[in-house]
C-alpha atoms as a PDB file:
ATOM      1  CA  MET A   1      81.817 110.403 134.187  1.00  0.00           C
ATOM      2  CA  PRO A   2      84.102 112.373 131.648  1.00  0.00           C
ATOM      3  CA  LEU A   3      86.886 111.350 130.066  1.00  0.00           C
ATOM      4  CA  HIS A   4      90.362 113.511 129.352  1.00  0.00           C
ATOM      5  CA  MET A   5      92.550 112.742 127.024  1.00  0.00           C
ATOM      6  CA  ARG A   6      96.231 113.995 127.717  1.00  0.00           C
ATOM      7  CA  PHE A   7      98.300 114.903 124.359  1.00  0.00           C
ATOM      8  CA  GLY A   8     101.700 115.123 124.488  1.00  0.00           C
ATOM      9  CA  THR A   9     103.729 116.394 121.308  1.00  0.00           C
ATOM     10  CA  ASP A  10     103.770 113.382 119.468  1.00  0.00           C
ATOM     11  CA  ASP A  11      99.855 112.455 119.626  1.00  0.00           C
ATOM     12  CA  LEU A  12      99.530 115.610 117.815  1.00  0.00           C
ATOM     13  CA  LEU A  13     101.322 113.923 115.179  1.00  0.00           C
ATOM     14  CA  ARG A  14      99.574 110.853 114.880  1.00  0.00           C
ATOM     15  CA  CYS A  15      96.037 111.237 115.112  1.00  0.00           C
ATOM     16  CA  ARG A  16      93.915 109.717 111.786  1.00  0.00           C
ATOM     17  CA  PHE A  17      91.060 108.329 110.762  1.00  0.00           C
ATOM     18  CA  ALA A  18      89.861 105.168 109.665  1.00  0.00           C
ATOM     19  CA  LEU A  19      86.569 103.479 108.681  1.00  0.00           C
ATOM     20  CA  SER A  20      86.224  99.762 110.386  1.00  0.00           C
ATOM     21  CA  PRO A  21      83.066  97.902 109.083  1.00  0.00           C
ATOM     22  CA  LEU A  22      83.685  95.213 112.037  1.00  0.00           C
ATOM     23  CA  CYS A  23      82.984  97.931 114.693  1.00  0.00           C
ATOM     24  CA  GLU A  24      79.958  99.186 112.589  1.00  0.00           C
ATOM     25  CA  THR A  25      78.597  95.552 112.592  1.00  0.00           C
ATOM     26  CA  HIS A  26      78.550  95.426 116.198  1.00  0.00           C
ATOM     27  CA  GLU A  27      77.105  99.322 116.529  1.00  0.00           C
ATOM     28  CA  ALA A  28      74.322  98.071 114.189  1.00  0.00           C
ATOM     29  CA  VAL A  29      73.688  94.820 116.922  1.00  0.00           C
ATOM     30  CA  ARG A  30      73.958  97.317 119.761  1.00  0.00           C
ATOM     31  CA  THR A  31      71.399  99.533 117.767  1.00  0.00           C
ATOM     32  CA  LEU A  32      68.727  96.786 117.584  1.00  0.00           C
ATOM     33  CA  ARG A  33      68.981  96.435 121.091  1.00  0.00           C
ATOM     34  CA  ARG A  34      68.120 100.304 122.278  1.00  0.00           C
ATOM     35  CA  THR A  35      64.490 100.487 123.149  1.00  0.00           C
ATOM     36  CA  GLU A  36      64.316 104.158 122.215  1.00  0.00           C
ATOM     37  CA  ARG A  37      66.388 106.681 120.465  1.00  0.00           C
ATOM     38  CA  HIS A  38      66.153 104.979 117.429  1.00  0.00           C
ATOM     39  CA  GLY A  39      65.630 108.231 115.617  1.00  0.00           C
ATOM     40  CA  TYR A  40      67.449 108.597 112.095  1.00  0.00           C
ATOM     41  CA  HIS A  41      67.400 104.313 111.802  1.00  0.00           C
ATOM     42  CA  GLN A  42      63.586 103.650 112.266  1.00  0.00           C
ATOM     43  CA  ALA A  43      63.599 102.743 108.672  1.00  0.00           C
ATOM     44  CA  TRP A  44      66.776 100.675 108.853  1.00  0.00           C
ATOM     45  CA  LEU A  45      65.149  99.120 111.702  1.00  0.00           C
ATOM     46  CA  ARG A  46      61.951  98.110 110.389  1.00  0.00           C
ATOM     47  CA  ARG A  47      64.358  96.375 107.272  1.00  0.00           C
ATOM     48  CA  SER A  48      66.005  94.662 110.018  1.00  0.00           C
ATOM     49  CA  ARG A  49      63.839  93.077 112.168  1.00  0.00           C
ATOM     50  CA  GLU A  50      63.133  90.130 110.155  1.00  0.00           C
ATOM     51  CA  ALA A  51      66.855  89.419 109.434  1.00  0.00           C
ATOM     52  CA  ALA A  52      67.516  89.921 113.183  1.00  0.00           C
ATOM     53  CA  ALA A  53      64.375  87.644 114.406  1.00  0.00           C
ATOM     54  CA  GLY A  54      67.109  84.891 112.424  1.00  0.00           C
ATOM     55  CA  LEU A  55      70.281  85.380 114.662  1.00  0.00           C
ATOM     56  CA  ASP A  56      70.325  84.656 118.056  1.00  0.00           C
ATOM     57  CA  LEU A  57      72.195  87.767 118.957  1.00  0.00           C
ATOM     58  CA  ARG A  58      72.102  87.241 123.122  1.00  0.00           C
ATOM     59  CA  PRO A  59      76.011  86.402 123.231  1.00  0.00           C
ATOM     60  CA  LEU A  60      76.990  89.556 121.877  1.00  0.00           C
ATOM     61  CA  TRP A  61      74.435  91.720 123.868  1.00  0.00           C
ATOM     62  CA  LEU A  62      75.821  89.792 126.855  1.00  0.00           C
ATOM     63  CA  PHE A  63      79.097  91.786 125.933  1.00  0.00           C
ATOM     64  CA  MET A  64      77.671  94.955 125.156  1.00  0.00           C
ATOM     65  CA  PRO A  65      76.199  96.816 128.552  1.00  0.00           C
ATOM     66  CA  GLN A  66      74.858 100.148 128.177  1.00  0.00           C
ATOM     67  CA  PRO A  67      76.900 101.314 129.825  1.00  0.00           C
ATOM     68  CA  GLY A  68      79.653  99.206 130.998  1.00  0.00           C
ATOM     69  CA  TYR A  69      83.077  98.134 128.861  1.00  0.00           C
ATOM     70  CA  THR A  70      82.925  96.164 125.710  1.00  0.00           C
ATOM     71  CA  PRO A  71      85.295  93.443 125.293  1.00  0.00           C
ATOM     72  CA  ASP A  72      88.144  95.363 122.609  1.00  0.00           C
ATOM     73  CA  PHE A  73      88.855  92.137 120.992  1.00  0.00           C
ATOM     74  CA  LEU A  74      85.333  92.129 119.489  1.00  0.00           C
ATOM     75  CA  GLY A  75      87.130  94.726 117.213  1.00  0.00           C
ATOM     76  CA  ARG A  76      90.278  96.045 117.743  1.00  0.00           C
ATOM     77  CA  PRO A  77      91.070  99.842 116.221  1.00  0.00           C
ATOM     78  CA  PRO A  78      91.866  99.417 112.449  1.00  0.00           C
ATOM     79  CA  ALA A  79      95.639  99.226 111.542  1.00  0.00           C
ATOM     80  CA  THR A  80      95.021 100.522 108.079  1.00  0.00           C
ATOM     81  CA  PRO A  81      92.358 103.578 106.954  1.00  0.00           C
ATOM     82  CA  SER A  82      89.643 101.471 104.785  1.00  0.00           C
ATOM     83  CA  PRO A  83      89.920  97.552 105.701  1.00  0.00           C
ATOM     84  CA  THR A  84      87.682  95.030 104.563  1.00  0.00           C
ATOM     85  CA  PHE A  85      85.520  93.034 106.786  1.00  0.00           C
ATOM     86  CA  ALA A  86      86.906  90.217 105.976  1.00  0.00           C
ATOM     87  CA  GLU A  87      90.155  91.392 107.618  1.00  0.00           C
ATOM     88  CA  GLU A  88      89.076  92.755 110.570  1.00  0.00           C
ATOM     89  CA  LEU A  89      86.878  89.348 111.077  1.00  0.00           C
ATOM     90  CA  ALA A  90      90.233  87.403 110.739  1.00  0.00           C
ATOM     91  CA  LEU A  91      91.688  89.517 113.115  1.00  0.00           C
ATOM     92  CA  MET A  92      88.998  88.618 115.671  1.00  0.00           C
ATOM     93  CA  ARG A  93      88.918  85.039 115.286  1.00  0.00           C
ATOM     94  CA  GLY A  94      92.694  84.939 115.879  1.00  0.00           C
ATOM     95  CA  THR A  95      92.297  86.161 119.326  1.00  0.00           C
ATOM     96  CA  ASP A  96      94.353  84.875 122.128  1.00  0.00           C
ATOM     97  CA  PRO A  97      91.895  83.094 124.412  1.00  0.00           C
ATOM     98  CA  ALA A  98      93.492  84.253 127.366  1.00  0.00           C
ATOM     99  CA  LEU A  99      93.129  87.935 126.550  1.00  0.00           C
ATOM    100  CA  ALA A 100      89.522  87.003 125.607  1.00  0.00           C
ATOM    101  CA  ARG A 101      88.936  85.598 128.749  1.00  0.00           C
ATOM    102  CA  GLN A 102      90.422  88.605 130.475  1.00  0.00           C
ATOM    103  CA  GLU A 103      88.690  91.285 128.644  1.00  0.00           C
ATOM    104  CA  MET A 104      85.006  89.294 128.954  1.00  0.00           C
ATOM    105  CA  ALA A 105      85.330  88.751 132.770  1.00  0.00           C
ATOM    106  CA  THR A 106      85.983  92.665 132.627  1.00  0.00           C
ATOM    107  CA  SER A 107      82.544  93.283 130.241  1.00  0.00           C
ATOM    108  CA  LEU A 108      80.435  90.671 132.604  1.00  0.00           C
ATOM    109  CA  ALA A 109      81.829  92.107 135.799  1.00  0.00           C
ATOM    110  CA  GLY A 110      79.820  95.709 134.944  1.00  0.00           C
ATOM    111  CA  THR A 111      76.137  93.850 135.044  1.00  0.00           C
ATOM    112  CA  PRO A 112      74.848  92.172 137.772  1.00  0.00           C
ATOM    113  CA  GLY A 113      74.372  88.557 137.860  1.00  0.00           C
ATOM    114  CA  ALA A 114      75.563  88.567 134.206  1.00  0.00           C
ATOM    115  CA  ALA A 115      78.821  86.517 135.074  1.00  0.00           C
ATOM    116  CA  GLU A 116      76.510  83.860 137.169  1.00  0.00           C
ATOM    117  CA  SER A 117      74.317  83.497 134.329  1.00  0.00           C
ATOM    118  CA  ALA A 118      74.408  80.073 132.573  1.00  0.00           C
ATOM    119  CA  LEU A 119      75.086  81.843 129.187  1.00  0.00           C
ATOM    120  CA  GLY A 120      78.140  83.753 131.002  1.00  0.00           C
ATOM    121  CA  ARG A 121      79.356  80.830 132.673  1.00  0.00           C
ATOM    122  CA  GLU A 122      79.073  78.733 129.474  1.00  0.00           C
ATOM    123  CA  LEU A 123      81.440  81.439 127.251  1.00  0.00           C
ATOM    124  CA  MET A 124      83.868  82.149 130.325  1.00  0.00           C
ATOM    125  CA  ALA A 125      84.560  78.075 130.647  1.00  0.00           C
ATOM    126  CA  ASP A 126      86.110  77.796 127.411  1.00  0.00           C
ATOM    127  CA  PRO A 127      87.271  81.285 125.838  1.00  0.00           C
ATOM    128  CA  ALA A 128      88.589  79.920 122.845  1.00  0.00           C
ATOM    129  CA  ALA A 129      85.018  78.568 121.659  1.00  0.00           C
ATOM    130  CA  ALA A 130      83.419  81.618 122.815  1.00  0.00           C
ATOM    131  CA  VAL A 131      86.067  83.488 120.950  1.00  0.00           C
ATOM    132  CA  GLN A 132      85.084  81.324 117.712  1.00  0.00           C
ATOM    133  CA  ARG A 133      81.148  81.480 118.826  1.00  0.00           C
ATOM    134  CA  LEU A 134      80.672  85.319 119.074  1.00  0.00           C
ATOM    135  CA  THR A 135      83.124  85.656 115.555  1.00  0.00           C
ATOM    136  CA  ASP A 136      80.728  83.376 113.563  1.00  0.00           C
ATOM    137  CA  LEU A 137      78.105  85.504 115.160  1.00  0.00           C
ATOM    138  CA  THR A 138      79.562  88.688 113.861  1.00  0.00           C
ATOM    139  CA  GLU A 139      79.527  87.487 110.258  1.00  0.00           C
ATOM    140  CA  ARG A 140      76.304  86.055 110.298  1.00  0.00           C
ATOM    141  CA  ALA A 141      75.045  89.810 111.737  1.00  0.00           C
ATOM    142  CA  TRP A 142      77.381  91.248 108.910  1.00  0.00           C
ATOM    143  CA  HIS A 143      75.792  89.408 105.950  1.00  0.00           C
ATOM    144  CA  ALA A 144      72.165  89.725 107.380  1.00  0.00           C
ATOM    145  CA  LEU A 145      71.941  93.133 108.858  1.00  0.00           C
ATOM    146  CA  LEU A 146      75.273  95.357 107.211  1.00  0.00           C
ATOM    147  CA  ALA A 147      76.700  93.919 103.964  1.00  0.00           C
ATOM    148  CA  PRO A 148      73.270  94.746 101.719  1.00  0.00           C
ATOM    149  CA  ASP A 149      73.674  98.954 102.762  1.00  0.00           C
ATOM    150  CA  TRP A 150      77.596  98.797 102.892  1.00  0.00           C
ATOM    151  CA  PRO A 151      78.252 100.716  99.467  1.00  0.00           C
ATOM    152  CA  ARG A 152      76.081 103.767 100.945  1.00  0.00           C
ATOM    153  CA  LEU A 153      77.237 103.722 104.405  1.00  0.00           C
ATOM    154  CA  ARG A 154      80.947 103.386 103.292  1.00  0.00           C
ATOM    155  CA  THR A 155      80.105 106.517 100.569  1.00  0.00           C
ATOM    156  CA  LEU A 156      78.624 108.647 103.757  1.00  0.00           C
ATOM    157  CA  LEU A 157      81.364 107.344 105.991  1.00  0.00           C
ATOM    158  CA  GLU A 158      84.538 108.794 103.717  1.00  0.00           C
ATOM    159  CA  ALA A 159      82.501 111.641 102.907  1.00  0.00           C
ATOM    160  CA  ASP A 160      82.573 112.284 106.763  1.00  0.00           C
ATOM    161  CA  ILE A 161      86.583 111.661 106.373  1.00  0.00           C
ATOM    162  CA  ALA A 162      86.978 114.117 103.518  1.00  0.00           C
ATOM    163  CA  TYR A 163      85.397 116.757 105.285  1.00  0.00           C
ATOM    164  CA  ARG A 164      86.838 116.185 108.480  1.00  0.00           C
ATOM    165  CA  SER A 165      90.168 116.501 106.939  1.00  0.00           C
ATOM    166  CA  ARG A 166      89.383 119.377 105.162  1.00  0.00           C
ATOM    167  CA  GLN A 167      88.607 121.263 108.433  1.00  0.00           C
ATOM    168  CA  LEU A 168      92.387 119.757 110.099  1.00  0.00           C
ATOM    169  CA  ALA A 169      94.254 121.403 107.087  1.00  0.00           C
ATOM    170  CA  THR A 170      92.530 124.902 107.406  1.00  0.00           C
ATOM    171  CA  GLY A 171      91.920 124.830 111.140  1.00  0.00           C
ATOM    172  CA  GLY A 172      93.702 122.830 112.890  1.00  0.00           C
ATOM    173  CA  LEU A 173      92.524 120.299 115.838  1.00  0.00           C
ATOM    174  CA  ARG A 174      90.704 122.848 117.509  1.00  0.00           C
ATOM    175  CA  ALA A 175      87.997 123.559 114.237  1.00  0.00           C
ATOM    176  CA  LEU A 176      88.425 119.956 113.897  1.00  0.00           C
ATOM    177  CA  PHE A 177      87.363 119.009 117.656  1.00  0.00           C
ATOM    178  CA  ALA A 178      84.860 122.301 117.429  1.00  0.00           C
ATOM    179  CA  ASP A 179      82.292 120.455 115.418  1.00  0.00           C
ATOM    180  CA  LEU A 180      83.323 116.743 115.621  1.00  0.00           C
ATOM    181  CA  HIS A 181      80.796 116.247 118.469  1.00  0.00           C
ATOM    182  CA  PRO A 182      78.876 118.228 121.237  1.00  0.00           C
ATOM    183  CA  ASP A 183      79.931 116.023 124.170  1.00  0.00           C
ATOM    184  CA  LEU A 184      83.702 116.702 122.820  1.00  0.00           C
ATOM    185  CA  VAL A 185      85.920 119.340 124.344  1.00  0.00           C
ATOM    186  CA  TRP A 186      89.051 120.572 123.109  1.00  0.00           C
ATOM    187  CA  ALA A 187      91.302 122.765 125.653  1.00  0.00           C
ATOM    188  CA  GLU A 188      94.880 123.076 126.282  1.00  0.00           C
ATOM    189  CA  GLY A 189      96.307 120.068 124.660  1.00  0.00           C
ATOM    190  CA  THR A 190      93.381 117.886 126.479  1.00  0.00           C
ATOM    191  CA  LEU A 191      90.305 116.504 124.711  1.00  0.00           C
ATOM    192  CA  THR A 192      87.195 115.713 127.054  1.00  0.00           C
ATOM    193  CA  LEU A 193      84.220 113.284 126.380  1.00  0.00           C
ATOM    194  CA  LEU A 194      81.712 114.386 128.759  1.00  0.00           C
ATOM    195  CA  ASN A 195      78.314 112.128 128.969  1.00  0.00           C
ATOM    196  CA  ARG A 196      80.535 108.936 128.172  1.00  0.00           C
ATOM    197  CA  ARG A 197      79.191 105.816 128.931  1.00  0.00           C
ATOM    198  CA  GLY A 198      80.530 103.918 131.923  1.00  0.00           C
ATOM    199  CA  ASP A 199      83.006 104.852 134.353  1.00  0.00           C
ATOM    200  CA  PHE A 200      85.823 102.315 134.045  1.00  0.00           C
ATOM    201  CA  PHE A 201      88.175 105.081 133.851  1.00  0.00           C
ATOM    202  CA  GLN A 202      88.488 108.872 133.950  1.00  0.00           C
ATOM    203  CA  GLU A 203      92.076 109.936 132.041  1.00  0.00           C
ATOM    204  CA  GLN A 204      93.733 108.092 129.599  1.00  0.00           C
ATOM    205  CA  ARG A 205      97.460 109.538 128.554  1.00  0.00           C
ATOM    206  CA  LEU A 206      97.914 108.976 124.584  1.00  0.00           C
ATOM    207  CA  ALA A 207     101.575 107.761 125.522  1.00  0.00           C
ATOM    208  CA  GLY A 208     102.812 109.133 121.844  1.00  0.00           C
ATOM    209  CA  GLN A 209      99.379 107.079 120.241  1.00  0.00           C
ATOM    210  CA  GLY A 210      97.531 109.442 119.149  1.00  0.00           C
ATOM    211  CA  VAL A 211      94.098 109.075 118.733  1.00  0.00           C
ATOM    212  CA  LEU A 212      92.132 107.323 116.105  1.00  0.00           C
ATOM    213  CA  LEU A 213      88.819 108.952 114.896  1.00  0.00           C
ATOM    214  CA  LEU A 214      86.357 106.376 113.714  1.00  0.00           C
ATOM    215  CA  PRO A 215      83.094 108.109 112.036  1.00  0.00           C
ATOM    216  CA  SER A 216      79.906 106.191 112.594  1.00  0.00           C
ATOM    217  CA  VAL A 217      76.007 105.565 111.415  1.00  0.00           C
ATOM    218  CA  PHE A 218      74.841 103.157 114.219  1.00  0.00           C
ATOM    219  CA  ALA A 219      76.933 104.866 117.372  1.00  0.00           C
ATOM    220  CA  TRP A 220      74.288 107.947 116.860  1.00  0.00           C
ATOM    221  CA  PRO A 221      73.287 109.817 118.993  1.00  0.00           C
ATOM    222  CA  ASN A 222      76.748 109.170 121.188  1.00  0.00           C
ATOM    223  CA  ALA A 223      80.147 109.723 121.267  1.00  0.00           C
ATOM    224  CA  VAL A 224      81.943 107.018 122.203  1.00  0.00           C
ATOM    225  CA  SER A 225      85.593 106.631 123.473  1.00  0.00           C
ATOM    226  CA  GLY A 226      87.149 102.732 122.860  1.00  0.00           C
ATOM    227  CA  PHE A 227      90.392 100.804 123.627  1.00  0.00           C
ATOM    228  CA  ALA A 228      93.026 100.473 126.400  1.00  0.00           C
ATOM    229  CA  GLU A 229      96.236  99.573 126.404  1.00  0.00           C
ATOM    230  CA  PRO A 230      97.852  98.069 124.159  1.00  0.00           C
ATOM    231  CA  TRP A 231      95.531  99.420 121.579  1.00  0.00           C
ATOM    232  CA  GLN A 232      95.666 103.258 120.379  1.00  0.00           C
ATOM    233  CA  PRO A 233      93.131 105.111 121.607  1.00  0.00           C
ATOM    234  CA  THR A 234      89.922 105.777 119.940  1.00  0.00           C
ATOM    235  CA  VAL A 235      86.869 107.940 119.386  1.00  0.00           C
ATOM    236  CA  ILE A 236      83.929 106.870 117.863  1.00  0.00           C
ATOM    237  CA  TYR A 237      81.269 109.547 116.584  1.00  0.00           C
ATOM    238  CA  PRO A 238      78.713 110.018 114.622  1.00  0.00           C
ATOM    239  CA  ALA A 239      78.951 110.762 110.951  1.00  0.00           C
ATOM    240  CA  ARG A 240      77.494 113.522 108.890  1.00  0.00           C
ATOM    241  CA  GLY A 241      74.779 112.994 106.726  1.00  0.00           C
ATOM    242  CA  ILE A 242      72.751 110.455 108.700  1.00  0.00           C
ATOM    243  CA  GLY A 243      69.984 112.639 108.655  1.00  0.00           C
ATOM    244  CA  GLY A 244      69.304 111.709 105.012  1.00  0.00           C
ATOM    245  CA  LEU A 245      70.710 108.090 104.574  1.00  0.00           C
ATOM    246  CA  TRP A 246      67.880 106.159 104.713  1.00  0.00           C
ATOM    247  CA  GLN A 247      65.787 108.591 102.741  1.00  0.00           C
ATOM    248  CA  THR A 248      64.335 107.892  99.214  1.00  0.00           C
ATOM    249  CA  PRO A 249      66.235 111.079  97.246  1.00  0.00           C
ATOM    250  CA  GLN A 250      64.399 114.029  96.626  1.00  0.00           C
ATOM    251  CA  ALA A 251      62.331 113.690  92.975  1.00  0.00           C
ATOM    252  CA  PRO A 252      63.680 116.150  90.319  1.00  0.00           C
ATOM    253  CA  SER A 253      61.215 118.977  89.585  1.00  0.00           C
ATOM    254  CA  GLY A 254      59.863 118.220  86.195  1.00  0.00           C
ATOM    255  CA  ALA A 255      61.503 121.508  84.765  1.00  0.00           C
ATOM    256  CA  LEU A 256      64.834 119.921  86.034  1.00  0.00           C
ATOM    257  CA  VAL A 257      64.433 116.910  84.430  1.00  0.00           C
ATOM    258  CA  ARG A 258      63.286 118.460  81.226  1.00  0.00           C
ATOM    259  CA  LEU A 259      66.529 120.404  81.177  1.00  0.00           C
ATOM    260  CA  LEU A 260      68.904 117.228  82.228  1.00  0.00           C
ATOM    261  CA  GLY A 261      66.897 114.188  81.615  1.00  0.00           C
ATOM    262  CA  ARG A 262      65.409 111.928  83.951  1.00  0.00           C
ATOM    263  CA  HIS A 263      68.745 110.434  85.581  1.00  0.00           C
ATOM    264  CA  ARG A 264      71.029 113.101  85.446  1.00  0.00           C
ATOM    265  CA  SER A 265      68.612 115.282  87.121  1.00  0.00           C
ATOM    266  CA  ALA A 266      68.104 112.258  89.890  1.00  0.00           C
ATOM    267  CA  ILE A 267      71.731 111.769  90.147  1.00  0.00           C
ATOM    268  CA  LEU A 268      72.123 115.547  90.701  1.00  0.00           C
ATOM    269  CA  CYS A 269      69.230 115.868  93.529  1.00  0.00           C
ATOM    270  CA  ALA A 270      70.808 112.932  95.486  1.00  0.00           C
ATOM    271  CA  LEU A 271      73.796 114.211  95.562  1.00  0.00           C
ATOM    272  CA  GLY A 272      73.305 116.293  98.966  1.00  0.00           C
ATOM    273  CA  GLU A 273      76.506 114.506 100.416  1.00  0.00           C
ATOM    274  CA  PRO A 274      79.485 113.293  98.512  1.00  0.00           C
ATOM    275  CA  ALA A 275      78.752 109.817  96.559  1.00  0.00           C
ATOM    276  CA  SER A 276      81.107 107.361  94.562  1.00  0.00           C
ATOM    277  CA  THR A 277      79.795 106.089  91.433  1.00  0.00           C
ATOM    278  CA  THR A 278      79.026 102.667  92.690  1.00  0.00           C
ATOM    279  CA  ALA A 279      76.778 104.204  95.589  1.00  0.00           C
ATOM    280  CA  LEU A 280      74.939 105.890  93.480  1.00  0.00           C
ATOM    281  CA  ALA A 281      74.503 103.225  90.915  1.00  0.00           C
ATOM    282  CA  ASP A 282      73.896 100.579  93.793  1.00  0.00           C
ATOM    283  CA  ARG A 283      71.144 103.985  95.032  1.00  0.00           C
ATOM    284  CA  HIS A 284      69.391 104.123  92.109  1.00  0.00           C
ATOM    285  CA  GLY A 285      69.320 101.010  90.273  1.00  0.00           C
ATOM    286  CA  LEU A 286      71.294 101.583  87.351  1.00  0.00           C
ATOM    287  CA  ALA A 287      74.727 100.517  86.028  1.00  0.00           C
ATOM    288  CA  PRO A 288      77.707 102.002  87.045  1.00  0.00           C
ATOM    289  CA  SER A 289      79.114 102.868  83.524  1.00  0.00           C
ATOM    290  CA  SER A 290      75.584 104.455  82.839  1.00  0.00           C
ATOM    291  CA  VAL A 291      76.037 106.543  85.850  1.00  0.00           C
ATOM    292  CA  SER A 292      79.841 107.102  85.215  1.00  0.00           C
ATOM    293  CA  ALA A 293      78.783 108.621  81.992  1.00  0.00           C
ATOM    294  CA  HIS A 294      76.052 110.856  83.176  1.00  0.00           C
ATOM    295  CA  LEU A 295      78.553 112.199  86.289  1.00  0.00           C
ATOM    296  CA  SER A 296      81.114 112.827  83.669  1.00  0.00           C
ATOM    297  CA  VAL A 297      78.388 115.098  81.458  1.00  0.00           C
ATOM    298  CA  LEU A 298      77.004 116.834  85.183  1.00  0.00           C
ATOM    299  CA  ARG A 299      80.946 117.919  86.167  1.00  0.00           C
ATOM    300  CA  ASP A 300      81.674 118.872  82.163  1.00  0.00           C
ATOM    301  CA  ALA A 301      78.796 121.412  82.939  1.00  0.00           C
ATOM    302  CA  GLY A 302      80.144 122.562  85.986  1.00  0.00           C
ATOM    303  CA  LEU A 303      77.278 121.086  88.222  1.00  0.00           C
ATOM    304  CA  LEU A 304      79.856 118.724  89.889  1.00  0.00           C
ATOM    305  CA  THR A 305      83.301 117.951  91.429  1.00  0.00           C
ATOM    306  CA  SER A 306      85.130 115.170  91.767  1.00  0.00           C
ATOM    307  CA  ARG A 307      88.275 114.498  94.185  1.00  0.00           C
ATOM    308  CA  ARG A 308      89.395 110.776  95.094  1.00  0.00           C
ATOM    309  CA  HIS A 309      89.632 109.362  98.347  1.00  0.00           C
ATOM    310  CA  GLY A 310      91.203 106.650  98.960  1.00  0.00           C
ATOM    311  CA  HIS A 311      90.240 103.872  96.101  1.00  0.00           C
ATOM    312  CA  GLN A 312      87.356 106.035  95.687  1.00  0.00           C
ATOM    313  CA  VAL A 313      86.610 109.090  93.759  1.00  0.00           C
ATOM    314  CA  LEU A 314      83.537 111.070  95.317  1.00  0.00           C
ATOM    315  CA  TYR A 315      81.138 113.485  93.549  1.00  0.00           C
ATOM    316  CA  GLU A 316      79.494 116.655  95.020  1.00  0.00           C
ATOM    317  CA  ARG A 317      77.598 119.748  93.957  1.00  0.00           C
ATOM    318  CA  THR A 318      78.988 122.977  92.752  1.00  0.00           C
ATOM    319  CA  ALA A 319      77.181 126.008  93.670  1.00  0.00           C
ATOM    320  CA  LEU A 320      75.545 125.840  90.598  1.00  0.00           C
ATOM    321  CA  GLY A 321      73.932 122.468  90.963  1.00  0.00           C
ATOM    322  CA  ILE A 322      73.022 123.167  94.341  1.00  0.00           C
ATOM    323  CA  ALA A 323      71.135 125.849  93.339  1.00  0.00           C
ATOM    324  CA  LEU A 324      69.910 123.908  89.788  1.00  0.00           C
ATOM    325  CA  ALA A 325      69.107 120.823  92.111  1.00  0.00           C
ATOM    326  CA  GLY A 326      67.523 123.348  94.702  1.00  0.00           C
END
């Protein structure tokens, strides 16, 4: 059923973006369970199956009904724009057992037989132990499934936020929501999420909290609503550029290699989406200092521009760089 998020004056001033490695870990775990519509993530799935086989993910999957409610304590809204995984995990580990029990019961109630299952009864019998068990499992899933690729994922997510921020600055919320996801509709001060998973509530008054917008790689292809009171209402949406995330960068032509050199031409061709020095170094197997030197040359030649986003500098191609790479 659709979800209608009603904006007041204060809500318009309190919309913000953030990244969440913890939420992304849980979305990756959810992706492993899907039997269809893996789409863009087939390459990641092939690489991750072996690592996932060493994890017993059933306790997490139990609280990820499709459709249905996932406990908010598994990944509360980030308080800062770009928290570390360790910071978010510490908050999850410190969850009040009474709150955890309430949210786990709500989640299990949406799946027939889940609360009566052996695993459901075991986790509900000791909520404090359940919190620690789920936190430990989330930490293992992070290291096995996401941490090796996080520099690449973070760069893509930060590039999405930079793009969306420019949309917001030039066209306001109407321009932002018009392009965010086909299931998101903005009209008359209300953001409506169509084709939503689950039907546990149909209207949400933001009460001055605004909306947190959380780009995600593994939420694809859905836009997802998250978090009930007391947390800030959140929309998790697929980030731009997922289609090329797991692809091998386009090989530069022989003419471009002769003109720019092997590494500079490869870096230029890899910048289909903005990227940081660290992400490019990881992608090409080069030292960050070498990549930084190549980026400086390409920028000085008018082929790239750079801009700061948070703690990183992102590079993207100019019109001349796009033409040359093509």
